Protein backbone atom coordinates (compact mmCIF):
# COMPACT_ATOMS: atom_id res chain seq x y z
CA UNK A 1 -92.50 64.89 24.07
CA UNK A 2 -89.66 62.92 22.57
CA UNK A 3 -88.04 60.61 25.06
CA UNK A 4 -84.29 60.21 25.45
CA UNK A 5 -84.47 56.71 23.97
CA UNK A 6 -86.24 57.93 20.87
CA UNK A 7 -83.70 60.73 20.44
CA UNK A 8 -80.82 58.29 20.62
CA UNK A 9 -82.49 55.99 18.10
CA UNK A 10 -82.94 58.95 15.75
CA UNK A 11 -79.28 59.91 16.09
CA UNK A 12 -78.18 56.33 15.41
CA UNK A 13 -80.06 56.45 12.13
CA UNK A 14 -78.07 59.47 10.93
CA UNK A 15 -74.91 58.91 8.90
CA UNK A 16 -72.01 60.88 10.34
CA UNK A 17 -69.65 62.33 7.79
CA UNK A 18 -66.56 63.85 9.45
CA UNK A 19 -65.26 67.06 8.01
CA UNK A 20 -61.91 66.60 6.35
CA UNK A 21 -59.58 69.22 7.64
CA UNK A 22 -56.51 70.09 5.68
CA UNK A 23 -53.49 69.05 7.71
CA UNK A 24 -50.98 71.68 8.71
CA UNK A 25 -48.19 69.97 6.78
CA UNK A 26 -50.29 69.66 3.64
CA UNK A 27 -51.46 73.26 3.95
CA UNK A 28 -47.89 74.51 4.42
CA UNK A 29 -46.71 72.45 1.43
CA UNK A 30 -49.47 73.95 -0.69
CA UNK A 31 -48.46 77.51 0.23
CA UNK A 32 -44.79 76.70 -0.28
CA UNK A 33 -45.46 75.34 -3.75
CA UNK A 34 -47.52 78.44 -4.57
CA UNK A 35 -44.52 80.65 -3.74
CA UNK A 36 -42.67 81.32 -6.99
CA UNK A 37 -39.47 82.44 -5.31
CA UNK A 38 -39.41 79.27 -3.21
CA UNK A 39 -39.88 77.13 -6.32
CA UNK A 40 -36.95 78.89 -7.97
CA UNK A 41 -34.85 78.22 -4.87
CA UNK A 42 -35.84 74.54 -4.80
CA UNK A 43 -35.00 74.24 -8.50
CA UNK A 44 -31.54 75.72 -7.92
CA UNK A 45 -30.78 73.47 -4.96
CA UNK A 46 -32.12 70.40 -6.76
CA UNK A 47 -30.05 71.24 -9.84
CA UNK A 48 -26.82 71.32 -7.84
CA UNK A 49 -27.73 68.12 -6.00
CA UNK A 50 -28.39 66.29 -9.26
CA UNK A 51 -25.24 67.63 -10.92
CA UNK A 52 -23.01 67.04 -7.91
CA UNK A 53 -24.27 63.62 -6.80
CA UNK A 54 -25.78 62.02 -9.90
CA UNK A 55 -24.49 63.55 -13.13
CA UNK A 56 -20.96 64.50 -12.06
CA UNK A 57 -19.30 61.58 -13.93
CA UNK A 58 -21.25 62.53 -17.07
CA UNK A 59 -20.95 66.32 -17.20
CA UNK A 60 -17.50 66.32 -15.59
CA UNK A 61 -15.68 63.14 -16.64
CA UNK A 62 -12.25 64.17 -15.33
CA UNK A 63 -10.78 63.35 -11.95
CA UNK A 64 -11.00 66.55 -9.86
CA UNK A 65 -7.77 65.83 -7.98
CA UNK A 66 -5.37 63.93 -10.22
CA UNK A 67 -6.21 64.79 -13.85
CA UNK A 68 -3.63 67.48 -14.55
CA UNK A 69 -2.62 68.90 -17.89
CA UNK A 70 0.20 71.37 -17.32
CA UNK A 71 0.50 72.41 -21.00
CA UNK A 72 -3.20 73.43 -20.82
CA UNK A 73 -2.94 75.29 -17.50
CA UNK A 74 -5.16 78.37 -17.21
CA UNK A 75 -6.79 77.67 -20.55
CA UNK A 76 -9.89 79.70 -21.36
CA UNK A 77 -13.28 77.92 -21.63
CA UNK A 78 -13.47 75.63 -24.65
CA UNK A 79 -15.68 72.80 -25.85
CA UNK A 80 -13.40 70.32 -24.08
CA UNK A 81 -13.22 72.37 -20.87
CA UNK A 82 -16.45 74.36 -20.62
CA UNK A 83 -15.31 76.34 -17.59
CA UNK A 84 -11.61 76.39 -18.48
CA UNK A 85 -8.74 74.96 -16.47
CA UNK A 86 -6.93 76.05 -13.31
CA UNK A 87 -3.26 76.66 -12.60
CA UNK A 88 -2.52 72.92 -12.77
CA UNK A 89 -4.57 72.23 -15.88
CA UNK A 90 -7.45 70.62 -13.96
CA UNK A 91 -10.95 70.97 -15.37
CA UNK A 92 -12.81 73.64 -13.37
CA UNK A 93 -16.27 72.28 -14.20
CA UNK A 94 -15.26 68.91 -12.79
CA UNK A 95 -13.93 70.48 -9.62
CA UNK A 96 -17.05 72.61 -9.14
CA UNK A 97 -19.34 69.61 -9.64
CA UNK A 98 -17.44 67.49 -7.13
CA UNK A 99 -17.05 70.49 -4.81
CA UNK A 100 -20.84 70.54 -4.49
CA UNK A 101 -20.62 67.38 -2.42
CA UNK A 102 -18.12 68.97 -0.04
CA UNK A 103 -20.10 72.18 0.48
CA UNK A 104 -23.42 70.39 0.93
CA UNK A 105 -21.97 67.75 3.25
CA UNK A 106 -20.20 70.24 5.49
CA UNK A 107 -23.16 72.60 5.61
CA UNK A 108 -25.75 69.91 6.28
CA UNK A 109 -23.65 68.08 8.88
CA UNK A 110 -22.72 71.23 10.81
CA UNK A 111 -26.25 72.61 10.86
CA UNK A 112 -27.81 69.25 11.77
CA UNK A 113 -25.47 68.86 14.74
CA UNK A 114 -26.10 72.43 15.90
CA UNK A 115 -29.85 72.02 15.39
CA UNK A 116 -29.96 68.87 17.52
CA UNK A 117 -27.76 70.04 20.38
CA UNK A 118 -29.04 73.61 20.44
CA UNK A 119 -32.71 72.57 20.36
CA UNK A 120 -32.25 70.14 23.25
CA UNK A 121 -30.46 72.76 25.34
CA UNK A 122 -33.03 75.45 24.58
CA UNK A 123 -36.15 73.34 25.12
CA UNK A 124 -34.95 71.76 28.36
CA UNK A 125 -33.64 74.99 29.85
CA UNK A 126 -36.72 76.95 28.80
CA UNK A 127 -39.16 74.38 30.18
CA UNK A 128 -37.31 73.52 33.38
CA UNK A 129 -36.06 77.03 34.18
CA UNK A 130 -34.19 77.80 37.38
CA UNK A 131 -30.42 77.40 37.69
CA UNK A 132 -30.27 75.10 34.65
CA UNK A 133 -31.67 77.84 32.43
CA UNK A 134 -29.36 80.46 33.92
CA UNK A 135 -26.18 78.42 33.47
CA UNK A 136 -26.99 77.15 29.96
CA UNK A 137 -28.09 80.53 28.63
CA UNK A 138 -25.06 82.34 30.07
CA UNK A 139 -22.87 79.79 28.29
CA UNK A 140 -24.75 80.52 25.06
CA UNK A 141 -24.28 84.26 25.65
CA UNK A 142 -20.53 83.74 25.89
CA UNK A 143 -20.49 82.01 22.51
CA UNK A 144 -22.73 84.67 20.99
CA UNK A 145 -20.37 87.38 22.18
CA UNK A 146 -17.91 86.38 19.45
CA UNK A 147 -18.57 86.92 15.74
CA UNK A 148 -19.46 83.52 14.28
CA UNK A 149 -16.75 83.46 11.61
CA UNK A 150 -14.09 84.72 14.02
CA UNK A 151 -14.99 82.03 16.54
CA UNK A 152 -14.90 79.38 13.82
CA UNK A 153 -11.46 80.58 12.71
CA UNK A 154 -10.21 80.38 16.30
CA UNK A 155 -11.52 76.83 16.75
CA UNK A 156 -10.05 75.61 13.46
CA UNK A 157 -6.75 77.33 14.25
CA UNK A 158 -6.56 75.45 17.56
CA UNK A 159 -7.62 72.07 16.16
CA UNK A 160 -5.88 72.34 12.79
CA UNK A 161 -7.20 72.82 9.25
CA UNK A 162 -9.41 70.23 7.59
CA UNK A 163 -13.02 69.46 6.73
CA UNK A 164 -13.85 67.65 9.98
CA UNK A 165 -12.56 70.53 12.08
CA UNK A 166 -14.44 72.95 9.85
CA UNK A 167 -17.70 71.08 10.46
CA UNK A 168 -17.05 71.00 14.20
CA UNK A 169 -16.19 74.69 14.36
CA UNK A 170 -19.28 75.76 12.44
CA UNK A 171 -21.51 73.49 14.52
CA UNK A 172 -20.24 75.03 17.76
CA UNK A 173 -20.86 78.57 16.50
CA UNK A 174 -24.43 77.73 15.44
CA UNK A 175 -25.54 75.97 18.64
CA UNK A 176 -26.41 79.22 20.50
CA UNK A 177 -28.71 80.32 17.67
CA UNK A 178 -30.92 77.25 18.03
CA UNK A 179 -30.65 77.25 21.82
CA UNK A 180 -31.95 80.81 22.11
CA UNK A 181 -34.66 80.28 19.50
CA UNK A 182 -35.98 77.04 21.02
CA UNK A 183 -35.82 78.49 24.54
CA UNK A 184 -37.94 81.45 23.48
CA UNK A 185 -40.51 79.08 21.98
CA UNK A 186 -40.54 76.90 25.10
CA UNK A 187 -41.07 79.88 27.39
CA UNK A 188 -44.14 80.93 25.45
CA UNK A 189 -45.61 77.45 25.01
CA UNK A 190 -45.31 76.32 28.63
CA UNK A 191 -47.59 79.17 29.72
CA UNK A 192 -50.48 78.00 27.52
CA UNK A 193 -53.62 76.57 29.10
CA UNK A 194 -53.32 73.05 27.69
CA UNK A 195 -49.79 72.75 29.12
CA UNK A 196 -51.09 73.82 32.52
CA UNK A 197 -53.88 71.26 32.25
CA UNK A 198 -51.44 68.51 31.26
CA UNK A 199 -49.25 69.33 34.25
CA UNK A 200 -52.30 69.22 36.51
CA UNK A 201 -53.16 65.67 35.43
CA UNK A 202 -49.59 64.51 36.01
CA UNK A 203 -48.05 64.29 32.52
CA UNK A 204 -44.28 63.67 32.94
CA UNK A 205 -41.94 66.50 32.02
CA UNK A 206 -40.04 64.59 29.34
CA UNK A 207 -43.29 63.61 27.65
CA UNK A 208 -44.50 67.19 27.84
CA UNK A 209 -41.40 68.42 26.04
CA UNK A 210 -41.46 65.71 23.36
CA UNK A 211 -45.21 65.61 22.70
CA UNK A 212 -46.23 69.23 23.16
CA UNK A 213 -43.38 71.74 23.41
CA UNK A 214 -41.12 70.40 20.66
CA UNK A 215 -43.78 69.97 17.91
CA UNK A 216 -45.08 73.48 18.51
CA UNK A 217 -41.54 74.91 18.33
CA UNK A 218 -40.52 73.31 15.05
CA UNK A 219 -41.75 75.96 12.60
CA UNK A 220 -39.15 78.66 13.38
CA UNK A 221 -36.47 76.02 13.88
CA UNK A 222 -37.06 74.49 10.44
CA UNK A 223 -36.88 77.90 8.79
CA UNK A 224 -33.66 78.69 10.64
CA UNK A 225 -32.27 75.28 9.66
CA UNK A 226 -32.72 76.04 5.95
CA UNK A 227 -31.31 79.55 6.16
CA UNK A 228 -28.37 78.37 8.25
CA UNK A 229 -27.29 75.89 5.57
CA UNK A 230 -26.71 78.86 3.26
CA UNK A 231 -24.67 80.56 5.99
CA UNK A 232 -22.66 77.38 6.57
CA UNK A 233 -21.80 77.10 2.87
CA UNK A 234 -20.57 80.71 2.82
CA UNK A 235 -18.47 80.26 5.96
CA UNK A 236 -17.09 76.95 4.71
CA UNK A 237 -15.95 78.77 1.59
CA UNK A 238 -14.51 81.57 3.74
CA UNK A 239 -12.47 79.12 5.81
CA UNK A 240 -11.34 77.38 2.63
CA UNK A 241 -10.34 80.72 1.15
CA UNK A 242 -8.18 81.39 4.23
CA UNK A 243 -6.57 77.96 3.94
CA UNK A 244 -8.25 76.62 7.10
CA UNK A 245 -10.88 74.43 5.44
CA UNK A 246 -10.45 71.65 2.92
CA UNK A 247 -6.83 71.12 2.00
CA UNK A 248 -5.40 70.62 -1.52
CA UNK A 249 -6.18 68.87 -3.75
CA UNK A 250 -9.80 68.77 -2.51
CA UNK A 251 -12.09 70.65 -4.93
CA UNK A 252 -13.66 72.93 -2.32
CA UNK A 253 -15.17 76.15 -3.67
CA UNK A 254 -13.47 78.49 -1.20
CA UNK A 255 -10.07 76.96 -1.87
CA UNK A 256 -10.72 77.30 -5.60
CA UNK A 257 -11.47 81.01 -5.08
CA UNK A 258 -8.26 81.38 -3.08
CA UNK A 259 -6.25 79.90 -5.95
CA UNK A 260 -8.18 81.62 -8.72
CA UNK A 261 -7.98 85.23 -7.55
CA UNK A 262 -4.19 85.15 -7.88
CA UNK A 263 -4.49 84.84 -11.66
CA UNK A 264 -7.19 87.44 -12.28
CA UNK A 265 -4.53 90.02 -13.13
CA UNK A 266 -3.28 87.93 -16.05
CA UNK A 267 -6.76 87.55 -17.51
CA UNK A 268 -7.70 84.10 -16.14
CA UNK A 269 -11.11 85.34 -15.00
CA UNK A 270 -12.74 81.92 -15.31
CA UNK A 271 -10.68 80.51 -12.42
CA UNK A 272 -12.41 82.97 -10.08
CA UNK A 273 -15.78 83.56 -11.74
CA UNK A 274 -17.26 80.07 -11.92
CA UNK A 275 -16.54 78.95 -8.32
CA UNK A 276 -17.90 82.29 -7.13
CA UNK A 277 -21.07 81.88 -9.17
CA UNK A 278 -21.57 78.40 -7.76
CA UNK A 279 -21.48 79.78 -4.22
CA UNK A 280 -23.82 82.65 -5.12
CA UNK A 281 -26.41 80.42 -6.77
CA UNK A 282 -26.46 77.77 -4.02
CA UNK A 283 -26.69 80.32 -1.23
CA UNK A 284 -29.43 82.19 -3.09
CA UNK A 285 -31.34 78.94 -3.58
CA UNK A 286 -31.31 78.04 0.11
CA UNK A 287 -32.25 81.58 1.11
CA UNK A 288 -35.23 81.54 -1.25
CA UNK A 289 -36.37 78.20 0.12
CA UNK A 290 -35.95 79.47 3.67
CA UNK A 291 -37.99 82.60 2.97
CA UNK A 292 -40.69 80.46 1.36
CA UNK A 293 -40.78 78.13 4.37
CA UNK A 294 -41.08 81.09 6.71
CA UNK A 295 -44.16 82.30 4.84
CA UNK A 296 -45.63 78.80 4.51
CA UNK A 297 -45.24 77.96 8.20
CA UNK A 298 -46.48 81.31 9.48
CA UNK A 299 -49.53 80.47 11.64
CA UNK A 300 -51.14 83.79 10.75
CA UNK A 301 -51.48 82.58 7.15
CA UNK A 302 -53.14 79.28 8.00
CA UNK A 303 -56.69 78.78 6.91
CA UNK A 304 -59.13 79.65 9.58
CA UNK A 305 -56.60 81.68 11.61
């Protein structure tokens, strides 16, 4: 019979080659890149980022606020002004390109703030439970009782119009979405066996949330983050259209729509069409990326599931 010592010596002589498992992030990125709709969405978003932040001085050499040409007001698209001019003779292409920065900044800042605050509230309340969960979730229910845009309008009306107040108002209206979503994830994760085992060996609560609950809750939160940027851009434009967002002469897309629709009856269709198309394309791009992320991060599609 083979002794234990001989067995160990035989095992030491074997070369161990660990199996290379595809990481979850790499696997999700592969599925995302294989999604044609998601690639179209990423191309759209990247196009607007490049035009708005990098190529704006090249493709739109005019100043979006001060370059006025009153004799050329409401001129149709020409070689000099590819998208025409507005009621003050300002180049619409220039204003749309620079307006990209406003829409992206407001949307990203509002959603990032809501994501951070809402996720903390949801994870802590869901994991701790008790009176903390009851109080925090009832506060979220109160905010959810109001339509998001109506609540944003009320907040901006109280604080005054402007981009900063727009970002704050949108962030407040989005916090309950992330709080409820992260709470639901925390409630399901804390009942799993490995969480119970970690509690049994004395792992601190804060470490449990940061090391185990949060990473396993990120997939739906990331998808919601991407989709919510599209919603934020639409609602930023809506507030600008109502005169509660960016104030003149800022080249915000909603404000441009508000000014452009007044001249549609006299045939100045370009003043309304091109800002509207910019909103449509950007929102469509983020929605396509969000849908692609949802499919890529779905655990049921992971290899070996």
